[in-house]
Amino acid sequence: MGRDRSQALVVRGERILMVKHRMFGREFFCLPGGGIDPGETPAAAALRELKEEACLEGEIVQEINVFEKLSGKGSVYTYLIKVPEGAVAGKGSDPELPAGEQTIIGAEWMLLEEMSELDQIYLWASGLKAVPEFYARLNGMKK
């Protein structure tokens, strides 16, 4: 069985907090998240990963989705998390990697339109539709 993963969905207006990584010769964005440690709850892991990767502390609003990894080896838990108004995201790190092998190169508040189609699809699959502003957009309604 693979290691379960937990991730934080943090929304500010129409912007979503994304962590920028550089790995295998390419750059990409993803939600702050990572593996759930033994004895750790998925919710606690989402809050820990948010702090490690984007230097932000927050509070769980709700669990919005759980899905099985494409490999079939483990689950991915997504939590909607609220951070203090005006909190500034920073460039965090992955404590499991040595300093010279860090993959995180920043954290950014992004509009959906600024993201690749693949990143957008991943966000919708992760439960973005549970956020009222994005649910309204998906259904062609104004909020």
N, C-alpha and C. Protein backbone atom coordinates (compact mmCIF):
# COMPACT_ATOMS: atom_id res chain seq x y z
N MET A 1 0.85 -1.19 0.00
CA MET A 1 0.00 0.00 0.00
C MET A 1 0.88 1.24 0.00
N GLY A 2 0.55 2.21 -0.84
CA GLY A 2 1.31 3.46 -0.90
C GLY A 2 0.94 4.38 0.25
N ARG A 3 1.71 5.43 0.38
CA ARG A 3 1.49 6.41 1.44
C ARG A 3 0.35 7.34 1.05
N ASP A 4 -0.60 7.52 1.96
CA ASP A 4 -1.68 8.47 1.72
C ASP A 4 -1.12 9.88 1.68
N ARG A 5 -1.83 10.76 0.97
CA ARG A 5 -1.41 12.15 0.79
C ARG A 5 -2.54 13.06 1.27
N SER A 6 -2.16 14.21 1.81
CA SER A 6 -3.13 15.21 2.21
C SER A 6 -2.71 16.54 1.61
N GLN A 7 -3.69 17.35 1.20
CA GLN A 7 -3.36 18.63 0.57
C GLN A 7 -4.31 19.72 1.03
N ALA A 8 -3.81 20.95 0.94
CA ALA A 8 -4.54 22.13 1.38
C ALA A 8 -5.04 22.93 0.19
N LEU A 9 -6.31 23.20 0.15
CA LEU A 9 -6.89 24.10 -0.85
C LEU A 9 -7.19 25.40 -0.12
N VAL A 10 -6.42 26.44 -0.45
CA VAL A 10 -6.56 27.75 0.20
C VAL A 10 -6.98 28.74 -0.88
N VAL A 11 -8.12 29.38 -0.66
CA VAL A 11 -8.68 30.28 -1.66
C VAL A 11 -8.78 31.68 -1.08
N ARG A 12 -8.39 32.66 -1.87
CA ARG A 12 -8.52 34.08 -1.50
C ARG A 12 -9.18 34.77 -2.68
N GLY A 13 -10.47 35.06 -2.53
CA GLY A 13 -11.22 35.63 -3.66
C GLY A 13 -11.28 34.60 -4.77
N GLU A 14 -10.77 34.96 -5.94
CA GLU A 14 -10.75 34.02 -7.06
C GLU A 14 -9.37 33.40 -7.26
N ARG A 15 -8.49 33.62 -6.30
CA ARG A 15 -7.13 33.08 -6.40
C ARG A 15 -6.95 31.87 -5.49
N ILE A 16 -6.12 30.96 -5.96
CA ILE A 16 -5.85 29.71 -5.25
C ILE A 16 -4.35 29.66 -4.95
N LEU A 17 -4.01 29.27 -3.73
CA LEU A 17 -2.61 29.16 -3.36
C LEU A 17 -2.01 27.91 -4.01
N MET A 18 -0.96 28.12 -4.79
CA MET A 18 -0.27 27.02 -5.44
C MET A 18 1.22 27.08 -5.10
N VAL A 19 1.84 25.92 -4.94
CA VAL A 19 3.27 25.83 -4.67
C VAL A 19 3.97 25.45 -5.97
N LYS A 20 5.03 26.20 -6.27
CA LYS A 20 5.79 25.96 -7.50
C LYS A 20 6.99 25.06 -7.20
N HIS A 21 7.12 24.00 -8.00
CA HIS A 21 8.20 23.03 -7.84
C HIS A 21 9.07 22.99 -9.10
N ARG A 22 10.31 22.62 -8.92
CA ARG A 22 11.20 22.33 -10.05
C ARG A 22 11.74 20.91 -9.81
N MET A 23 11.37 20.01 -10.72
CA MET A 23 11.78 18.61 -10.62
C MET A 23 11.94 18.03 -12.02
N PHE A 24 12.90 17.15 -12.16
CA PHE A 24 13.08 16.41 -13.41
C PHE A 24 13.16 17.33 -14.63
N GLY A 25 13.77 18.51 -14.45
CA GLY A 25 13.96 19.43 -15.56
C GLY A 25 12.74 20.23 -15.96
N ARG A 26 11.70 20.23 -15.14
CA ARG A 26 10.52 21.02 -15.48
C ARG A 26 9.97 21.72 -14.24
N GLU A 27 9.18 22.75 -14.46
CA GLU A 27 8.53 23.47 -13.37
C GLU A 27 7.03 23.23 -13.46
N PHE A 28 6.41 23.12 -12.28
CA PHE A 28 4.97 22.89 -12.24
C PHE A 28 4.41 23.40 -10.92
N PHE A 29 3.11 23.57 -10.87
CA PHE A 29 2.42 24.02 -9.67
C PHE A 29 1.55 22.90 -9.12
N CYS A 30 1.39 22.89 -7.81
CA CYS A 30 0.44 21.97 -7.18
C CYS A 30 -0.04 22.58 -5.86
N LEU A 31 -1.06 21.99 -5.30
CA LEU A 31 -1.53 22.42 -4.00
C LEU A 31 -0.48 22.07 -2.95
N PRO A 32 -0.37 22.86 -1.88
CA PRO A 32 0.52 22.47 -0.79
C PRO A 32 0.05 21.13 -0.24
N GLY A 33 0.94 20.18 -0.16
CA GLY A 33 0.53 18.87 0.33
C GLY A 33 1.66 17.87 0.29
N GLY A 34 1.40 16.72 0.86
CA GLY A 34 2.40 15.67 0.87
C GLY A 34 1.92 14.48 1.66
N GLY A 35 2.85 13.59 1.94
CA GLY A 35 2.52 12.35 2.61
C GLY A 35 2.06 12.53 4.05
N ILE A 36 1.15 11.66 4.46
CA ILE A 36 0.65 11.65 5.83
C ILE A 36 1.58 10.76 6.66
N ASP A 37 2.11 11.33 7.74
CA ASP A 37 3.03 10.60 8.60
C ASP A 37 2.29 9.56 9.44
N PRO A 38 2.97 8.49 9.85
CA PRO A 38 2.34 7.49 10.72
C PRO A 38 1.78 8.15 11.99
N GLY A 39 0.53 7.82 12.32
CA GLY A 39 -0.12 8.36 13.50
C GLY A 39 -0.70 9.75 13.32
N GLU A 40 -0.51 10.35 12.16
CA GLU A 40 -1.01 11.70 11.88
C GLU A 40 -2.36 11.60 11.18
N THR A 41 -3.27 12.49 11.51
CA THR A 41 -4.55 12.52 10.80
C THR A 41 -4.36 13.23 9.47
N PRO A 42 -5.21 12.94 8.49
CA PRO A 42 -5.13 13.66 7.22
C PRO A 42 -5.28 15.18 7.40
N ALA A 43 -6.16 15.62 8.30
CA ALA A 43 -6.34 17.05 8.53
C ALA A 43 -5.07 17.69 9.10
N ALA A 44 -4.46 17.04 10.06
CA ALA A 44 -3.22 17.57 10.65
C ALA A 44 -2.11 17.62 9.59
N ALA A 45 -2.07 16.62 8.71
CA ALA A 45 -1.06 16.60 7.65
C ALA A 45 -1.25 17.77 6.69
N ALA A 46 -2.50 18.08 6.34
CA ALA A 46 -2.76 19.22 5.43
C ALA A 46 -2.27 20.52 6.05
N LEU A 47 -2.52 20.72 7.34
CA LEU A 47 -2.06 21.94 8.01
C LEU A 47 -0.53 21.97 8.11
N ARG A 48 0.09 20.84 8.40
CA ARG A 48 1.55 20.77 8.47
C ARG A 48 2.18 21.07 7.12
N GLU A 49 1.65 20.46 6.07
CA GLU A 49 2.19 20.67 4.72
C GLU A 49 2.04 22.13 4.29
N LEU A 50 0.93 22.76 4.63
CA LEU A 50 0.73 24.18 4.30
C LEU A 50 1.82 25.02 4.96
N LYS A 51 2.12 24.72 6.21
CA LYS A 51 3.16 25.48 6.93
C LYS A 51 4.54 25.20 6.34
N GLU A 52 4.84 23.93 6.05
CA GLU A 52 6.16 23.57 5.51
C GLU A 52 6.39 24.16 4.13
N GLU A 53 5.41 24.06 3.25
CA GLU A 53 5.61 24.40 1.85
C GLU A 53 5.32 25.86 1.50
N ALA A 54 4.42 26.51 2.26
CA ALA A 54 4.04 27.89 1.92
C ALA A 54 4.18 28.85 3.11
N CYS A 55 4.73 28.35 4.22
CA CYS A 55 4.99 29.20 5.40
C CYS A 55 3.72 29.87 5.93
N LEU A 56 2.59 29.19 5.85
CA LEU A 56 1.32 29.72 6.32
C LEU A 56 0.67 28.79 7.33
N GLU A 57 0.04 29.39 8.33
CA GLU A 57 -0.76 28.63 9.27
C GLU A 57 -2.22 28.92 8.98
N GLY A 58 -3.06 27.93 9.15
CA GLY A 58 -4.46 28.11 8.86
C GLY A 58 -5.32 27.21 9.72
N GLU A 59 -6.59 27.21 9.40
CA GLU A 59 -7.52 26.33 10.10
C GLU A 59 -8.41 25.63 9.09
N ILE A 60 -8.75 24.40 9.40
CA ILE A 60 -9.59 23.59 8.52
C ILE A 60 -11.00 24.17 8.48
N VAL A 61 -11.52 24.38 7.28
CA VAL A 61 -12.91 24.77 7.10
C VAL A 61 -13.74 23.50 6.94
N GLN A 62 -13.27 22.62 6.04
CA GLN A 62 -13.95 21.35 5.83
C GLN A 62 -13.11 20.42 4.95
N GLU A 63 -13.35 19.14 5.10
CA GLU A 63 -12.79 18.17 4.16
C GLU A 63 -13.66 18.26 2.92
N ILE A 64 -13.03 18.40 1.75
CA ILE A 64 -13.86 18.56 0.56
C ILE A 64 -13.80 17.38 -0.40
N ASN A 65 -12.79 16.52 -0.25
CA ASN A 65 -12.73 15.39 -1.18
C ASN A 65 -11.71 14.36 -0.70
N VAL A 66 -11.97 13.12 -1.04
CA VAL A 66 -11.02 12.03 -0.87
C VAL A 66 -11.11 11.20 -2.13
N PHE A 67 -9.95 10.94 -2.76
CA PHE A 67 -9.98 10.08 -3.94
C PHE A 67 -8.77 9.17 -3.93
N GLU A 68 -8.89 8.07 -4.64
CA GLU A 68 -7.80 7.11 -4.74
C GLU A 68 -6.78 7.59 -5.76
N LYS A 69 -5.50 7.42 -5.41
CA LYS A 69 -4.43 7.79 -6.35
C LYS A 69 -4.57 6.96 -7.62
N LEU A 70 -4.12 7.52 -8.74
CA LEU A 70 -4.19 6.81 -10.01
C LEU A 70 -3.47 5.47 -9.94
N SER A 71 -2.42 5.40 -9.13
CA SER A 71 -1.67 4.15 -8.97
C SER A 71 -2.47 3.10 -8.21
N GLY A 72 -3.55 3.53 -7.54
CA GLY A 72 -4.33 2.62 -6.72
C GLY A 72 -3.67 2.34 -5.38
N LYS A 73 -2.58 3.03 -5.11
CA LYS A 73 -1.82 2.79 -3.88
C LYS A 73 -1.93 3.99 -2.95
N GLY A 74 -3.06 4.09 -2.28
CA GLY A 74 -3.25 5.17 -1.32
C GLY A 74 -4.32 6.15 -1.76
N SER A 75 -4.68 7.01 -0.83
CA SER A 75 -5.72 8.01 -1.07
C SER A 75 -5.15 9.42 -0.97
N VAL A 76 -5.89 10.37 -1.55
CA VAL A 76 -5.54 11.79 -1.47
C VAL A 76 -6.71 12.50 -0.78
N TYR A 77 -6.41 13.18 0.31
CA TYR A 77 -7.40 13.94 1.08
C TYR A 77 -7.20 15.42 0.79
N THR A 78 -8.29 16.13 0.50
CA THR A 78 -8.20 17.57 0.23
C THR A 78 -9.05 18.31 1.25
N TYR A 79 -8.43 19.32 1.86
CA TYR A 79 -9.10 20.14 2.87
C TYR A 79 -9.14 21.59 2.43
N LEU A 80 -10.30 22.21 2.59
CA LEU A 80 -10.43 23.64 2.40
C LEU A 80 -9.92 24.28 3.68
N ILE A 81 -8.94 25.16 3.56
CA ILE A 81 -8.29 25.77 4.72
C ILE A 81 -8.34 27.28 4.60
N LYS A 82 -8.63 27.92 5.72
CA LYS A 82 -8.68 29.38 5.79
C LYS A 82 -7.40 29.87 6.46
N VAL A 83 -6.78 30.89 5.86
CA VAL A 83 -5.61 31.53 6.46
C VAL A 83 -6.00 32.96 6.83
N PRO A 84 -5.26 33.58 7.76
CA PRO A 84 -5.60 34.95 8.14
C PRO A 84 -5.57 35.90 6.93
N GLU A 85 -6.51 36.84 6.92
CA GLU A 85 -6.57 37.84 5.85
C GLU A 85 -5.24 38.58 5.78
N GLY A 86 -4.71 38.72 4.60
CA GLY A 86 -3.45 39.43 4.41
C GLY A 86 -2.19 38.61 4.68
N ALA A 87 -2.35 37.35 5.09
CA ALA A 87 -1.18 36.50 5.34
C ALA A 87 -0.41 36.34 4.03
N VAL A 88 0.90 36.40 4.12
CA VAL A 88 1.75 36.32 2.94
C VAL A 88 2.39 34.94 2.85
N ALA A 89 2.20 34.30 1.71
CA ALA A 89 2.81 32.98 1.49
C ALA A 89 4.30 33.16 1.22
N GLY A 90 5.07 32.22 1.70
CA GLY A 90 6.51 32.26 1.48
C GLY A 90 7.00 31.00 0.79
N LYS A 91 8.28 30.99 0.48
CA LYS A 91 8.91 29.82 -0.13
C LYS A 91 9.29 28.87 1.00
N GLY A 92 8.58 27.77 1.08
CA GLY A 92 8.85 26.78 2.11
C GLY A 92 9.87 25.76 1.65
N SER A 93 9.87 24.63 2.32
CA SER A 93 10.81 23.56 1.97
C SER A 93 10.19 22.22 2.31
N ASP A 94 10.83 21.18 1.81
CA ASP A 94 10.41 19.82 2.10
C ASP A 94 11.41 19.26 3.09
N PRO A 95 11.01 19.02 4.36
CA PRO A 95 11.96 18.55 5.37
C PRO A 95 12.52 17.16 5.09
N GLU A 96 11.92 16.44 4.16
CA GLU A 96 12.41 15.10 3.82
C GLU A 96 13.57 15.15 2.83
N LEU A 97 13.85 16.34 2.28
CA LEU A 97 14.93 16.47 1.29
C LEU A 97 16.08 17.31 1.85
N PRO A 98 17.33 16.95 1.51
CA PRO A 98 18.47 17.78 1.91
C PRO A 98 18.39 19.16 1.25
N ALA A 99 19.06 20.15 1.84
CA ALA A 99 19.01 21.53 1.35
C ALA A 99 19.33 21.65 -0.14
N GLY A 100 20.31 20.91 -0.62
CA GLY A 100 20.71 21.00 -2.02
C GLY A 100 19.77 20.32 -2.98
N GLU A 101 18.79 19.59 -2.47
CA GLU A 101 17.85 18.85 -3.34
C GLU A 101 16.42 19.37 -3.23
N GLN A 102 16.24 20.55 -2.65
CA GLN A 102 14.90 21.11 -2.50
C GLN A 102 14.25 21.33 -3.86
N THR A 103 12.97 21.03 -3.95
CA THR A 103 12.24 21.21 -5.21
C THR A 103 11.30 22.41 -5.20
N ILE A 104 10.97 22.94 -4.02
CA ILE A 104 10.04 24.06 -3.92
C ILE A 104 10.77 25.34 -4.28
N ILE A 105 10.20 26.09 -5.23
CA ILE A 105 10.84 27.35 -5.63
C ILE A 105 9.96 28.56 -5.36
N GLY A 106 8.78 28.34 -4.79
CA GLY A 106 7.94 29.47 -4.43
C GLY A 106 6.50 29.08 -4.19
N ALA A 107 5.71 30.05 -3.76
CA ALA A 107 4.27 29.87 -3.57
C ALA A 107 3.60 31.12 -4.15
N GLU A 108 2.51 30.91 -4.87
CA GLU A 108 1.83 32.02 -5.55
C GLU A 108 0.31 31.87 -5.43
N TRP A 109 -0.37 33.02 -5.34
CA TRP A 109 -1.83 33.05 -5.43
C TRP A 109 -2.17 33.19 -6.91
N MET A 110 -2.85 32.19 -7.47
CA MET A 110 -3.08 32.17 -8.92
C MET A 110 -4.56 32.11 -9.26
N LEU A 111 -4.89 32.75 -10.38
CA LEU A 111 -6.22 32.60 -10.98
C LEU A 111 -6.23 31.29 -11.78
N LEU A 112 -7.38 30.68 -11.92
CA LEU A 112 -7.48 29.47 -12.74
C LEU A 112 -6.94 29.70 -14.14
N GLU A 113 -7.23 30.87 -14.70
CA GLU A 113 -6.82 31.17 -16.06
C GLU A 113 -5.31 31.24 -16.23
N GLU A 114 -4.59 31.40 -15.14
CA GLU A 114 -3.13 31.46 -15.19
C GLU A 114 -2.48 30.08 -15.13
N MET A 115 -3.29 29.07 -14.89
CA MET A 115 -2.77 27.71 -14.72
C MET A 115 -2.89 26.90 -16.00
N SER A 116 -2.06 25.88 -16.08
CA SER A 116 -2.17 24.97 -17.22
C SER A 116 -3.49 24.23 -17.13
N GLU A 117 -3.94 23.73 -18.25
CA GLU A 117 -5.18 22.96 -18.29
C GLU A 117 -5.08 21.73 -17.38
N LEU A 118 -3.93 21.09 -17.36
CA LEU A 118 -3.73 19.92 -16.50
C LEU A 118 -3.87 20.30 -15.03
N ASP A 119 -3.30 21.43 -14.61
CA ASP A 119 -3.44 21.87 -13.22
C ASP A 119 -4.90 22.19 -12.89
N GLN A 120 -5.62 22.79 -13.84
CA GLN A 120 -7.04 23.09 -13.61
C GLN A 120 -7.84 21.81 -13.43
N ILE A 121 -7.58 20.83 -14.27
CA ILE A 121 -8.29 19.55 -14.18
C ILE A 121 -8.04 18.92 -12.82
N TYR A 122 -6.78 18.96 -12.36
CA TYR A 122 -6.45 18.37 -11.07
C TYR A 122 -7.21 19.08 -9.94
N LEU A 123 -7.30 20.40 -10.01
CA LEU A 123 -8.03 21.15 -8.98
C LEU A 123 -9.50 20.79 -8.95
N TRP A 124 -10.12 20.70 -10.13
CA TRP A 124 -11.54 20.31 -10.16
C TRP A 124 -11.71 18.90 -9.59
N ALA A 125 -10.80 17.98 -9.95
CA ALA A 125 -10.89 16.61 -9.44
C ALA A 125 -10.64 16.56 -7.93
N SER A 126 -9.86 17.50 -7.42
CA SER A 126 -9.55 17.54 -5.99
C SER A 126 -10.68 18.11 -5.15
N GLY A 127 -11.67 18.70 -5.80
CA GLY A 127 -12.83 19.18 -5.05
C GLY A 127 -13.07 20.68 -5.12
N LEU A 128 -12.47 21.37 -6.08
CA LEU A 128 -12.65 22.82 -6.19
C LEU A 128 -14.13 23.20 -6.29
N LYS A 129 -14.94 22.32 -6.82
CA LYS A 129 -16.37 22.62 -6.97
C LYS A 129 -17.07 22.79 -5.63
N ALA A 130 -16.44 22.36 -4.53
CA ALA A 130 -17.03 22.52 -3.20
C ALA A 130 -16.91 23.95 -2.68
N VAL A 131 -16.11 24.78 -3.35
CA VAL A 131 -15.96 26.19 -2.97
C VAL A 131 -17.03 26.97 -3.71
N PRO A 132 -17.95 27.64 -2.99
CA PRO A 132 -19.11 28.28 -3.64
C PRO A 132 -18.77 29.15 -4.85
N GLU A 133 -17.72 29.97 -4.77
CA GLU A 133 -17.38 30.86 -5.89
C GLU A 133 -17.04 30.06 -7.16
N PHE A 134 -16.37 28.94 -6.97
CA PHE A 134 -15.97 28.14 -8.12
C PHE A 134 -17.12 27.24 -8.59
N TYR A 135 -17.97 26.81 -7.69
CA TYR A 135 -19.16 26.06 -8.07
C TYR A 135 -20.03 26.92 -8.98
N ALA A 136 -20.20 28.18 -8.59
CA ALA A 136 -21.00 29.11 -9.40
C ALA A 136 -20.40 29.29 -10.79
N ARG A 137 -19.07 29.39 -10.85
CA ARG A 137 -18.40 29.55 -12.14
C ARG A 137 -18.60 28.31 -13.00
N LEU A 138 -18.49 27.14 -12.40
CA LEU A 138 -18.64 25.89 -13.12
C LEU A 138 -20.04 25.77 -13.75
N ASN A 139 -21.03 26.30 -13.05
CA ASN A 139 -22.40 26.23 -13.52
C ASN A 139 -22.86 27.47 -14.27
N GLY A 140 -21.91 28.36 -14.60
CA GLY A 140 -22.26 29.54 -15.38
C GLY A 140 -23.09 30.55 -14.64
N MET A 141 -23.05 30.51 -13.31
CA MET A 141 -23.83 31.46 -12.50
C MET A 141 -22.89 32.52 -11.96
N LYS A 142 -23.46 33.64 -11.59
CA LYS A 142 -22.69 34.70 -10.91
C LYS A 142 -22.92 34.56 -9.43
N LYS A 143 -21.87 34.75 -8.67
CA LYS A 143 -22.00 34.66 -7.21
C LYS A 143 -22.22 36.04 -6.64
